[in-house]
Amino acid sequence: MNIIDRIVAWQNPIAGLRRAQARRALAFYEGAKPSRQRKSRNDNSSPNTLVGSGAAALRAHARFLERNHDISRGALRVMVNNIVGATGIGIEPQPRRADGTIHTEYAAALRDAWRNWQRKPEVTKKYRWPMAQRMAAYTWVRDGELFAQQLMGPVAYLDHGTKVPFSLELFEPDFVPLDYDDPGKNIRQGIQSNAWGEATNYWIYKGDPREGMTFLTDSGIKGIPASRMLHLATLDRLHQQRGVSEFASVITRIEDLKDYEESERIAAKVAASMTAYVKRTDPEVGFNVDNLPRADDGTAIARDLRMQPGMIIDSLTVGEEIGMISSDRPNPNLVSWRSGQLRAFAAGIGASHSSISRDYNGTYSAQRQELVEQWVHYAVLADEFVGMYVQPAYESFVQVAHLSGVVPRPRDVASDTEDEALFIGQSMPWIDPLKEALSWEKLVQAGFASEVEVIRRRGGNPRDVLEQVSEFRREAAEKALMFSSNVATAPGPPVLSQANQPEGAEEDT
């Protein structure tokens, strides 16, 4: 009770108590109180309960949209291309000596072995490493999760096909049963955990359950230790075991957009077929078969009202006229409405609206602002992809390469640094290359950025760039050619091409 309540209560205790109770009743969150305009949302189920009841249906719906809806399929490709890219997540080994310097010889050996492994990284031999990354990212975004078993060393009936005996076996989420629970063994949704919630074992179907190759029985599933399993999942809440499709919150919107566009297309096709009809102005007077023109043999000639260019209709009888069915299709408001829906859809899945809609209208500042804000989201997804899929695979690769003797770890490599690496994701593209280049040049000259950072931001590898530039300049010097890139470093005066020789100069200058 505040001071006024106390004064009132001193005169009238009942009135003072009512004042205090009324104030307390008004102290609530308006959003927590249901009304006619706002429904009550009281479902407080655990994340695993929600995922168990809806994840399978959501991923089935997402796969349907991928197969049958151009915008959904394009959105998936936009996200995968910006997360993984054409060449995949790059890896630059950086093992270190005890003094902190990079062990260049060991790094070069790992780089060569990794390049060989990328040709056949998984058991089916269908996908190179960049494509295996894109397939994994595609499955992850669409279905919500992906599983990959790491197979190391000799495995029965398996030919790794690479120098380092290491392969991945990729699984769609259907191979880990959502309905496999065993509280006695602490198994929830096909994942066995310890008392701390750390996954210790994954239970996988031995065959594809969707093709009737196996069933949820003790003989139809197998356990794979968590140390050999990679689990790439979209996790929205703490304590969540399985992933949920990125399309979960936008399925209703994009499904409505798909249906509406189809209806508009059909309406436009109907409108494009111009239709006319014969209208009787007087119900008592109109078409009579006796009034039809007759052939030589006396048979009636049916009226032909099919529309033709330049035709003249002279077969109407008294009391009839031609009417046209008007149409208001295509809808003039369709473009603006569709654009708004696509913006909401793009925001829901975290993709760029311009890339999904293929609408690149706007000023340089607006496009750059969208690119900068959107690229942060792609970078976050790329970081999750690296942490749950690429980095663990590379760490296992380095370990197997050492144990198999293909790339043994030198003695002078510092402990726990043999698998250190720089993971190179996609760089933010330049909208206006000239403006971007001038900006980076100014930053480098002022000392606020390095040449290495610029090369990395453009998606390049500084080591490769240095080797390419050095080799190119050496060959150019051997051939007595001069380019703007090696004018400052070449000895002697620049050599001009024949077309740029000054007047009176010798041809062999």
Protein backbone atom coordinates (compact mmCIF):
# COMPACT_ATOMS: atom_id res chain seq x y z
CA MET A 1 0.00 0.00 0.00
CA ASN A 2 1.28 3.46 -0.87
CA ILE A 3 0.96 6.52 1.32
CA ILE A 4 -2.49 7.46 -0.02
CA ASP A 5 -3.79 3.93 0.55
CA ARG A 6 -2.58 4.07 4.09
CA ILE A 7 -4.30 7.40 4.72
CA VAL A 8 -7.55 6.03 3.26
CA ALA A 9 -7.14 2.81 5.23
CA TRP A 10 -6.68 4.79 8.46
CA GLN A 11 -10.13 6.34 7.90
CA ASN A 12 -11.73 3.30 6.16
CA PRO A 13 -9.73 0.02 6.14
CA ILE A 14 -12.05 -1.65 3.62
CA ALA A 15 -11.74 1.20 1.10
CA GLY A 16 -7.94 1.23 1.48
CA LEU A 17 -7.75 -2.51 0.85
CA ARG A 18 -9.92 -2.19 -2.25
CA ARG A 19 -7.62 0.51 -3.64
CA ALA A 20 -4.56 -1.71 -3.19
CA GLN A 21 -6.29 -4.74 -4.72
CA ALA A 22 -7.52 -2.76 -7.74
CA ARG A 23 -4.01 -1.44 -8.43
CA ARG A 24 -2.60 -4.96 -8.28
CA ALA A 25 -5.27 -6.26 -10.68
CA LEU A 26 -4.23 -3.61 -13.22
CA ALA A 27 -0.55 -4.64 -13.05
CA PHE A 28 -0.32 -7.15 -15.94
CA TYR A 29 1.09 -7.53 -19.43
CA GLU A 30 -1.57 -6.57 -21.95
CA GLY A 31 -0.22 -9.13 -24.40
CA ALA A 32 -0.81 -11.92 -21.85
CA LYS A 33 -4.53 -11.23 -21.61
CA PRO A 34 -6.67 -12.81 -24.37
CA SER A 35 -9.41 -10.79 -26.02
CA ARG A 36 -11.71 -10.98 -29.02
CA GLN A 37 -8.93 -9.60 -31.20
CA ARG A 38 -6.13 -11.65 -29.65
CA LYS A 39 -6.29 -15.40 -29.09
CA SER A 40 -4.83 -17.06 -26.05
CA ARG A 41 -1.55 -18.96 -26.68
CA ASN A 42 -1.16 -21.15 -23.64
CA ASP A 43 0.71 -24.07 -25.20
CA ASN A 44 3.98 -24.31 -23.28
CA SER A 45 5.14 -27.68 -24.60
CA SER A 46 8.80 -28.60 -24.49
CA PRO A 47 10.81 -28.12 -27.71
CA ASN A 48 11.21 -31.88 -28.15
CA THR A 49 7.45 -32.39 -27.87
CA LEU A 50 6.78 -29.73 -30.50
CA VAL A 51 9.47 -31.08 -32.82
CA GLY A 52 8.29 -34.66 -32.40
CA SER A 53 4.74 -33.77 -33.40
CA GLY A 54 5.50 -31.47 -36.32
CA ALA A 55 9.03 -31.86 -37.73
CA ALA A 56 8.20 -34.74 -40.10
CA ALA A 57 5.12 -32.99 -41.51
CA LEU A 58 7.01 -29.70 -41.92
CA ARG A 59 9.88 -31.25 -43.86
CA ALA A 60 7.45 -33.19 -46.07
CA HIS A 61 5.67 -29.93 -46.89
CA ALA A 62 8.97 -28.15 -47.51
CA ARG A 63 10.00 -30.91 -49.93
CA PHE A 64 6.66 -30.55 -51.74
CA LEU A 65 7.25 -26.82 -52.19
CA GLU A 66 10.79 -27.49 -53.41
CA ARG A 67 9.46 -29.87 -56.06
CA ASN A 68 6.47 -27.85 -57.20
CA HIS A 69 7.07 -24.17 -56.47
CA ASP A 70 9.62 -22.13 -58.37
CA ILE A 71 10.01 -19.43 -55.72
CA SER A 72 10.63 -21.94 -52.92
CA ARG A 73 13.18 -23.82 -54.99
CA GLY A 74 14.90 -20.56 -55.94
CA ALA A 75 14.98 -19.43 -52.30
CA LEU A 76 16.72 -22.66 -51.29
CA ARG A 77 19.31 -22.20 -53.99
CA VAL A 78 19.91 -18.58 -52.99
CA MET A 79 20.58 -19.58 -49.39
CA VAL A 80 22.82 -22.53 -50.26
CA ASN A 81 24.79 -20.52 -52.82
CA ASN A 82 25.45 -17.77 -50.29
CA ILE A 83 26.26 -20.13 -47.41
CA VAL A 84 28.49 -22.60 -49.29
CA GLY A 85 29.06 -21.17 -52.76
CA ALA A 86 30.40 -22.67 -55.95
CA THR A 87 33.67 -23.98 -54.51
CA GLY A 88 32.48 -24.77 -51.00
CA ILE A 89 33.96 -23.64 -47.70
CA GLY A 90 37.69 -23.31 -48.28
CA ILE A 91 40.21 -24.71 -45.80
CA GLU A 92 43.72 -23.35 -45.28
CA PRO A 93 45.72 -25.61 -42.89
CA GLN A 94 47.62 -23.69 -40.22
CA PRO A 95 49.51 -26.13 -37.98
CA ARG A 96 52.01 -24.34 -35.76
CA ARG A 97 55.41 -24.92 -34.27
CA ALA A 98 56.17 -24.33 -30.62
CA ASP A 99 57.23 -20.74 -31.36
CA GLY A 100 53.82 -19.99 -32.91
CA THR A 101 54.93 -19.90 -36.54
CA ILE A 102 53.05 -21.92 -39.14
CA HIS A 103 54.65 -25.25 -40.06
CA THR A 104 54.66 -24.63 -43.82
CA GLU A 105 55.89 -28.09 -44.86
CA TYR A 106 53.26 -29.94 -42.85
CA ALA A 107 50.57 -27.49 -44.01
CA ALA A 108 51.54 -28.09 -47.64
CA ALA A 109 51.37 -31.88 -47.17
CA LEU A 110 47.92 -31.60 -45.55
CA ARG A 111 46.78 -29.32 -48.37
CA ASP A 112 47.84 -31.85 -51.01
CA ALA A 113 46.15 -34.76 -49.19
CA TRP A 114 43.00 -32.70 -48.66
CA ARG A 115 42.92 -31.81 -52.37
CA ASN A 116 43.07 -35.53 -53.21
CA TRP A 117 40.34 -36.38 -50.67
CA GLN A 118 37.95 -33.78 -52.07
CA ARG A 119 37.49 -35.82 -55.24
CA LYS A 120 35.66 -38.67 -53.44
CA PRO A 121 34.71 -37.58 -49.92
CA GLU A 122 31.61 -39.75 -49.42
CA VAL A 123 30.76 -43.41 -49.78
CA THR A 124 28.61 -43.24 -52.93
CA LYS A 125 31.37 -41.44 -54.92
CA LYS A 126 28.66 -39.24 -56.52
CA TYR A 127 29.63 -35.90 -55.04
CA ARG A 128 32.88 -33.99 -54.91
CA TRP A 129 33.48 -32.10 -51.68
CA PRO A 130 31.96 -28.76 -52.82
CA MET A 131 28.86 -30.57 -54.06
CA ALA A 132 28.69 -32.70 -50.90
CA GLN A 133 28.70 -29.45 -48.92
CA ARG A 134 25.92 -27.97 -51.04
CA MET A 135 23.83 -31.14 -50.72
CA ALA A 136 24.32 -31.06 -46.96
CA ALA A 137 23.39 -27.37 -46.73
CA TYR A 138 20.39 -27.91 -49.03
CA THR A 139 19.10 -30.74 -46.82
CA TRP A 140 19.81 -28.76 -43.67
CA VAL A 141 17.88 -25.66 -44.77
CA ARG A 142 14.96 -27.56 -46.31
CA ASP A 143 14.55 -30.43 -43.81
CA GLY A 144 16.01 -28.80 -40.72
CA GLU A 145 18.85 -31.25 -40.17
CA LEU A 146 21.33 -33.67 -41.72
CA PHE A 147 23.33 -36.61 -40.37
CA ALA A 148 26.73 -37.84 -41.57
CA GLN A 149 28.65 -40.86 -40.33
CA GLN A 150 32.45 -40.64 -40.36
CA LEU A 151 34.06 -43.87 -41.59
CA MET A 152 37.75 -44.19 -40.77
CA GLY A 153 40.34 -46.76 -41.71
CA PRO A 154 39.49 -50.22 -43.09
CA VAL A 155 35.73 -50.74 -43.36
CA ALA A 156 34.15 -53.94 -44.68
CA TYR A 157 33.19 -53.74 -48.37
CA LEU A 158 34.14 -50.05 -48.56
CA ASP A 159 36.78 -48.62 -50.86
CA HIS A 160 37.53 -45.09 -49.70
CA GLY A 161 39.01 -44.24 -53.11
CA THR A 162 41.42 -41.63 -51.69
CA LYS A 163 44.89 -41.63 -50.18
CA VAL A 164 43.55 -40.92 -46.71
CA PRO A 165 41.15 -43.74 -45.66
CA PHE A 166 38.33 -41.49 -44.55
CA SER A 167 34.78 -41.17 -45.95
CA LEU A 168 31.42 -39.67 -45.01
CA GLU A 169 28.05 -41.42 -45.21
CA LEU A 170 25.29 -38.84 -45.54
CA PHE A 171 21.77 -39.44 -44.16
CA GLU A 172 18.54 -37.52 -44.58
CA PRO A 173 16.74 -36.97 -41.24
CA ASP A 174 14.24 -39.74 -42.06
CA PHE A 175 16.95 -42.30 -41.29
CA VAL A 176 16.96 -41.29 -37.60
CA PRO A 177 13.45 -42.20 -36.32
CA LEU A 178 11.64 -39.36 -34.61
CA ASP A 179 9.33 -41.83 -32.86
CA TYR A 180 12.07 -43.99 -31.32
CA ASP A 181 11.98 -43.30 -27.58
CA ASP A 182 13.30 -45.43 -24.72
CA PRO A 183 13.27 -43.58 -21.37
CA GLY A 184 15.11 -46.47 -19.72
CA LYS A 185 18.12 -45.92 -21.99
CA ASN A 186 17.63 -42.14 -22.12
CA ILE A 187 16.81 -42.31 -25.86
CA ARG A 188 14.68 -39.47 -27.21
CA GLN A 189 13.75 -39.17 -30.90
CA GLY A 190 16.49 -41.58 -31.95
CA ILE A 191 19.29 -39.84 -30.00
CA GLN A 192 20.74 -41.34 -26.84
CA SER A 193 22.15 -38.88 -24.30
CA ASN A 194 23.91 -38.95 -20.96
CA ALA A 195 22.69 -37.30 -17.77
CA TRP A 196 24.09 -33.94 -18.91
CA GLY A 197 22.21 -33.99 -22.20
CA GLU A 198 25.29 -34.76 -24.34
CA ALA A 199 24.57 -37.08 -27.26
CA THR A 200 26.37 -40.42 -26.88
CA ASN A 201 24.73 -42.57 -29.55
CA TYR A 202 22.56 -42.17 -32.65
CA TRP A 203 20.10 -44.85 -33.77
CA ILE A 204 19.88 -45.16 -37.55
CA TYR A 205 17.74 -47.27 -39.85
CA LYS A 206 19.85 -49.84 -41.71
CA GLY A 207 17.90 -49.10 -44.90
CA ASP A 208 15.60 -46.42 -46.24
CA PRO A 209 12.37 -46.71 -44.16
CA ARG A 210 10.42 -44.85 -46.88
CA GLU A 211 11.01 -47.67 -49.34
CA GLY A 212 10.07 -50.45 -46.94
CA MET A 213 13.67 -51.63 -46.69
CA THR A 214 13.65 -51.73 -42.90
CA PHE A 215 11.38 -51.27 -39.89
CA LEU A 216 11.69 -49.87 -36.40
CA THR A 217 12.81 -53.09 -34.73
CA ASP A 218 15.95 -54.16 -32.92
CA SER A 219 17.20 -55.79 -36.12
CA GLY A 220 16.19 -52.85 -38.33
CA ILE A 221 18.20 -50.14 -36.61
CA LYS A 222 21.82 -49.74 -35.59
CA GLY A 223 23.61 -47.53 -33.12
CA ILE A 224 26.41 -45.21 -34.18
CA PRO A 225 28.60 -43.58 -31.50
CA ALA A 226 28.32 -39.82 -31.31
CA SER A 227 32.08 -39.54 -31.83
CA ARG A 228 31.57 -40.77 -35.40
CA MET A 229 28.39 -38.84 -36.21
CA LEU A 230 27.98 -35.31 -37.51
CA HIS A 231 24.61 -33.71 -36.80
CA LEU A 232 23.87 -30.49 -38.67
CA ALA A 233 20.62 -29.08 -37.26
CA THR A 234 18.59 -25.87 -36.97
CA LEU A 235 18.05 -25.49 -33.22
CA ASP A 236 15.70 -22.74 -32.08
CA ARG A 237 15.50 -23.53 -28.37
CA LEU A 238 17.63 -24.91 -25.57
CA HIS A 239 17.34 -28.66 -24.86
CA GLN A 240 16.12 -29.26 -28.43
CA GLN A 241 17.31 -32.58 -29.89
CA ARG A 242 16.21 -32.50 -33.53
CA GLY A 243 16.11 -29.76 -36.15
CA VAL A 244 13.14 -28.07 -37.82
CA SER A 245 12.85 -26.80 -41.40
CA GLU A 246 13.64 -23.14 -42.06
CA PHE A 247 10.28 -23.04 -43.88
CA ALA A 248 8.36 -23.78 -40.67
CA SER A 249 7.17 -20.21 -40.06
CA VAL A 250 6.53 -19.28 -43.72
CA ILE A 251 4.85 -22.40 -45.13
CA THR A 252 1.34 -20.95 -44.78
CA ARG A 253 2.29 -17.67 -46.47
CA ILE A 254 4.19 -19.23 -49.38
CA GLU A 255 1.47 -21.85 -49.91
CA ASP A 256 -1.15 -19.10 -50.12
CA LEU A 257 1.05 -17.16 -52.53
CA LYS A 258 1.46 -20.26 -54.70
CA ASP A 259 -2.32 -20.86 -54.81
CA TYR A 260 -3.11 -17.21 -55.50
CA GLU A 261 -0.61 -16.95 -58.34
CA GLU A 262 -2.05 -20.11 -59.88
CA SER A 263 -5.57 -18.67 -59.68
CA GLU A 264 -4.40 -15.43 -61.29
CA ARG A 265 -2.71 -17.34 -64.10
CA ILE A 266 -5.87 -19.31 -64.81
CA ALA A 267 -7.96 -16.12 -64.71
CA ALA A 268 -5.57 -14.43 -67.14
CA LYS A 269 -5.77 -17.40 -69.53
CA VAL A 270 -9.58 -17.26 -69.43
CA ALA A 271 -9.50 -13.52 -70.01
CA ALA A 272 -7.17 -13.97 -72.97
CA SER A 273 -9.80 -16.17 -74.64
CA MET A 274 -12.25 -13.46 -75.73
CA THR A 275 -15.80 -14.73 -75.45
CA ALA A 276 -18.97 -13.35 -76.96
CA TYR A 277 -22.60 -14.27 -76.53
CA VAL A 278 -25.92 -13.57 -78.24
CA LYS A 279 -28.20 -11.44 -76.11
CA ARG A 280 -31.97 -11.36 -76.66
CA THR A 281 -33.32 -7.89 -76.06
CA ASP A 282 -36.93 -9.09 -76.26
CA PRO A 283 -37.79 -12.41 -74.63
CA GLU A 284 -40.70 -12.83 -77.05
CA VAL A 285 -38.55 -12.35 -80.11
CA GLY A 286 -35.31 -14.12 -80.87
CA PHE A 287 -33.76 -17.08 -82.52
CA ASN A 288 -36.07 -19.36 -84.47
CA VAL A 289 -34.87 -22.27 -86.53
CA ASP A 290 -37.44 -21.38 -89.17
CA ASN A 291 -35.63 -18.08 -89.72
CA LEU A 292 -32.29 -19.68 -90.54
CA PRO A 293 -31.00 -19.41 -94.12
CA ARG A 294 -31.60 -22.48 -96.30
CA ALA A 295 -29.35 -24.42 -98.62
CA ASP A 296 -30.38 -25.44 -102.14
CA ASP A 297 -31.81 -28.70 -100.81
CA GLY A 298 -33.89 -26.81 -98.21
CA THR A 299 -31.87 -27.79 -95.12
CA ALA A 300 -31.23 -25.08 -92.53
CA ILE A 301 -27.70 -23.66 -92.35
CA ALA A 302 -26.52 -23.34 -88.73
CA ARG A 303 -25.23 -19.96 -87.65
CA ASP A 304 -21.41 -19.71 -87.30
CA LEU A 305 -20.48 -17.15 -84.68
CA ARG A 306 -16.82 -18.10 -84.29
CA MET A 307 -14.71 -14.93 -84.07
CA GLN A 308 -12.42 -14.19 -86.99
CA PRO A 309 -10.42 -11.08 -87.96
CA GLY A 310 -12.57 -8.62 -89.90
CA MET A 311 -15.71 -10.78 -89.73
CA ILE A 312 -19.16 -9.27 -90.14
CA ILE A 313 -22.01 -10.91 -88.27
CA ASP A 314 -25.13 -10.77 -90.41
CA SER A 315 -26.96 -13.79 -89.05
CA LEU A 316 -28.62 -12.10 -86.07
CA THR A 317 -32.36 -12.12 -86.03
CA VAL A 318 -34.75 -9.48 -84.79
CA GLY A 319 -34.39 -8.93 -81.05
CA GLU A 320 -30.78 -10.20 -80.80
CA GLU A 321 -27.43 -8.47 -80.28
CA ILE A 322 -23.80 -9.49 -79.61
CA GLY A 323 -22.49 -9.14 -76.06
CA MET A 324 -18.86 -9.43 -74.88
CA ILE A 325 -17.71 -10.97 -71.58
CA SER A 326 -15.46 -8.35 -69.97
CA SER A 327 -12.47 -9.26 -67.80
CA ASP A 328 -10.38 -7.37 -65.25
CA ARG A 329 -7.39 -9.71 -65.51
CA PRO A 330 -4.52 -9.54 -65.00
CA ASN A 331 -5.04 -7.86 -61.65
CA PRO A 332 -3.21 -4.49 -61.65
CA ASN A 333 -2.54 -4.80 -57.91
CA LEU A 334 -0.93 -8.23 -58.19
CA VAL A 335 2.66 -7.00 -58.53
CA SER A 336 2.66 -4.80 -55.42
CA TRP A 337 0.81 -7.38 -53.31
CA ARG A 338 3.14 -10.16 -54.45
CA SER A 339 6.19 -8.04 -53.67
CA GLY A 340 5.00 -7.50 -50.11
CA GLN A 341 4.40 -11.22 -49.61
CA LEU A 342 7.83 -12.07 -51.00
CA ARG A 343 9.47 -9.59 -48.63
CA ALA A 344 7.79 -11.24 -45.66
CA PHE A 345 8.73 -14.69 -46.99
CA ALA A 346 12.37 -13.66 -47.46
CA ALA A 347 12.50 -12.21 -43.94
CA GLY A 348 11.09 -15.42 -42.50
CA ILE A 349 13.70 -17.72 -44.02
CA GLY A 350 16.55 -15.22 -43.76
CA ALA A 351 17.26 -14.79 -47.47
CA SER A 352 17.69 -11.69 -49.59
CA HIS A 353 14.45 -10.35 -51.08
CA SER A 354 16.21 -9.01 -54.16
CA SER A 355 17.79 -12.39 -54.88
CA ILE A 356 14.54 -14.32 -54.40
CA SER A 357 12.31 -11.98 -56.40
CA ARG A 358 15.02 -11.10 -58.96
CA ASP A 359 14.05 -7.45 -58.41
CA TYR A 360 17.21 -5.34 -58.31
CA ASN A 361 15.64 -1.91 -58.68
CA GLY A 362 16.88 0.72 -56.28
CA THR A 363 19.72 3.10 -55.57
CA TYR A 364 23.29 2.03 -54.85
CA SER A 365 22.87 2.98 -51.17
CA ALA A 366 19.67 0.94 -50.79
CA GLN A 367 21.15 -2.12 -52.48
CA ARG A 368 24.31 -1.92 -50.40
CA GLN A 369 22.35 -1.54 -47.16
CA GLU A 370 20.32 -4.64 -47.99
CA LEU A 371 23.47 -6.52 -48.92
CA VAL A 372 25.32 -5.57 -45.73
CA GLU A 373 22.45 -6.46 -43.41
CA GLN A 374 21.67 -9.66 -45.26
CA TRP A 375 25.29 -10.79 -45.44
CA VAL A 376 25.49 -10.93 -41.65
CA HIS A 377 22.76 -13.57 -41.67
CA TYR A 378 24.53 -15.60 -44.36
CA ALA A 379 27.75 -15.35 -42.35
CA VAL A 380 26.01 -16.66 -39.22
CA LEU A 381 24.59 -19.62 -41.14
CA ALA A 382 27.99 -20.28 -42.69
CA ASP A 383 29.56 -20.28 -39.22
CA GLU A 384 26.98 -22.82 -38.01
CA PHE A 385 27.61 -24.94 -41.11
CA VAL A 386 31.37 -24.89 -40.53
CA GLY A 387 31.09 -25.63 -36.80
CA MET A 388 28.71 -28.57 -37.13
CA TYR A 389 29.87 -30.11 -40.41
CA VAL A 390 33.04 -28.86 -42.13
CA GLN A 391 35.36 -28.36 -39.15
CA PRO A 392 34.66 -31.72 -37.44
CA ALA A 393 35.15 -33.49 -40.78
CA TYR A 394 38.50 -31.77 -41.32
CA GLU A 395 39.69 -32.54 -37.78
CA SER A 396 38.87 -36.23 -38.30
CA PHE A 397 40.63 -36.12 -41.67
CA VAL A 398 43.85 -34.80 -40.10
CA GLN A 399 43.71 -37.49 -37.40
CA VAL A 400 43.19 -40.30 -39.92
CA ALA A 401 45.90 -38.90 -42.19
CA HIS A 402 48.35 -39.13 -39.28
CA LEU A 403 47.29 -42.56 -38.02
CA SER A 404 47.31 -44.06 -41.53
CA GLY A 405 50.80 -42.72 -42.21
CA VAL A 406 49.73 -40.75 -45.29
CA VAL A 407 50.57 -37.41 -43.67
CA PRO A 408 52.32 -38.14 -40.37
CA ARG A 409 52.48 -35.32 -37.86
CA PRO A 410 56.02 -33.93 -37.52
CA ARG A 411 57.58 -33.90 -34.08
CA ASP A 412 58.08 -30.15 -34.10
CA VAL A 413 54.35 -29.43 -34.49
CA ALA A 414 52.90 -27.99 -31.28
CA SER A 415 50.44 -30.22 -29.49
CA ASP A 416 46.76 -29.75 -30.42
CA THR A 417 47.59 -27.45 -33.33
CA GLU A 418 47.86 -30.05 -36.10
CA ASP A 419 44.21 -29.58 -37.11
CA GLU A 420 44.12 -25.79 -36.84
CA ALA A 421 42.90 -24.21 -40.07
CA LEU A 422 41.39 -21.11 -41.53
CA PHE A 423 37.89 -21.77 -42.88
CA ILE A 424 37.14 -19.46 -45.77
CA GLY A 425 33.46 -18.79 -46.46
CA GLN A 426 31.82 -16.74 -49.16
CA SER A 427 32.82 -13.10 -49.37
CA MET A 428 30.34 -10.25 -49.66
CA PRO A 429 30.10 -9.31 -53.35
CA TRP A 430 30.77 -5.81 -54.60
CA ILE A 431 27.86 -3.79 -55.95
CA ASP A 432 30.05 -1.13 -57.56
CA PRO A 433 33.56 -2.58 -58.06
CA LEU A 434 35.20 0.82 -58.68
CA LYS A 435 33.84 2.40 -55.50
CA GLU A 436 34.63 -0.69 -53.43
CA ALA A 437 38.17 -0.95 -54.80
CA LEU A 438 38.91 2.72 -54.12
CA SER A 439 37.56 2.37 -50.57
CA TRP A 440 39.76 -0.64 -49.81
CA GLU A 441 42.77 1.08 -51.40
CA LYS A 442 42.33 4.09 -49.09
CA LEU A 443 41.98 1.82 -46.01
CA VAL A 444 45.12 -0.12 -46.90
CA GLN A 445 47.13 3.06 -47.54
CA ALA A 446 45.98 4.52 -44.22
CA GLY A 447 46.90 1.33 -42.35
CA PHE A 448 43.33 0.52 -41.27
CA ALA A 449 43.26 -2.71 -43.32
CA SER A 450 45.75 -5.15 -44.81
CA GLU A 451 46.17 -6.55 -48.29
CA VAL A 452 45.48 -9.99 -46.87
CA GLU A 453 42.08 -8.86 -45.56
CA VAL A 454 41.16 -7.40 -48.95
CA ILE A 455 42.06 -10.63 -50.73
CA ARG A 456 40.08 -12.66 -48.19
CA ARG A 457 37.06 -10.36 -48.52
CA ARG A 458 37.10 -10.93 -52.29
CA GLY A 459 37.03 -14.70 -51.74
CA GLY A 460 40.69 -15.29 -52.63
CA ASN A 461 43.56 -17.01 -50.90
CA PRO A 462 46.50 -14.65 -50.24
CA ARG A 463 49.02 -17.46 -50.68
CA ASP A 464 47.63 -18.38 -54.09
CA VAL A 465 47.46 -14.72 -55.14
CA LEU A 466 51.11 -14.16 -54.23
CA GLU A 467 52.21 -17.26 -56.13
CA GLN A 468 50.16 -16.29 -59.19
CA VAL A 469 51.42 -12.70 -59.20
CA SER A 470 55.03 -13.79 -58.69
CA GLU A 471 54.89 -16.37 -61.45
CA PHE A 472 53.12 -14.00 -63.83
CA ARG A 473 55.63 -11.21 -63.28
CA ARG A 474 58.55 -13.58 -63.74
CA GLU A 475 57.20 -14.83 -67.07
CA ALA A 476 56.36 -11.27 -68.17
CA ALA A 477 59.93 -10.15 -67.42
CA GLU A 478 61.35 -13.10 -69.38
CA LYS A 479 59.30 -12.06 -72.39
CA ALA A 480 60.20 -8.37 -71.95
CA LEU A 481 56.55 -7.42 -71.45
CA MET A 482 55.39 -4.67 -69.18
CA PHE A 483 52.03 -4.33 -67.46
CA SER A 484 50.73 -1.88 -64.91
CA SER A 485 51.08 -4.52 -62.18
CA ASN A 486 54.84 -4.94 -62.60
CA VAL A 487 56.00 -1.46 -63.67
CA ALA A 488 57.20 -0.61 -60.18
CA THR A 489 59.05 -3.89 -59.67
CA ALA A 490 60.67 -4.39 -63.08
CA PRO A 491 64.31 -3.31 -63.54
CA GLY A 492 65.06 -0.68 -66.16
CA PRO A 493 62.67 1.42 -68.21
CA PRO A 494 59.23 0.03 -69.13
CA VAL A 495 58.89 -1.77 -72.43
CA LEU A 496 56.10 -0.44 -74.62
CA SER A 497 54.17 -2.44 -77.15
CA GLN A 498 54.53 -1.59 -80.84
CA ALA A 499 51.17 0.18 -80.85
CA ASN A 500 52.29 2.54 -78.07
CA GLN A 501 55.74 3.44 -79.44
CA PRO A 502 56.41 7.22 -79.59
CA GLU A 503 57.11 8.82 -82.95
CA GLY A 504 60.65 8.24 -84.19
CA ALA A 505 61.36 5.37 -81.82
CA GLU A 506 63.19 2.32 -83.08
CA GLU A 507 61.10 -0.82 -83.60
CA ASP A 508 63.48 -2.84 -81.45
CA THR A 509 63.35 -0.45 -78.49
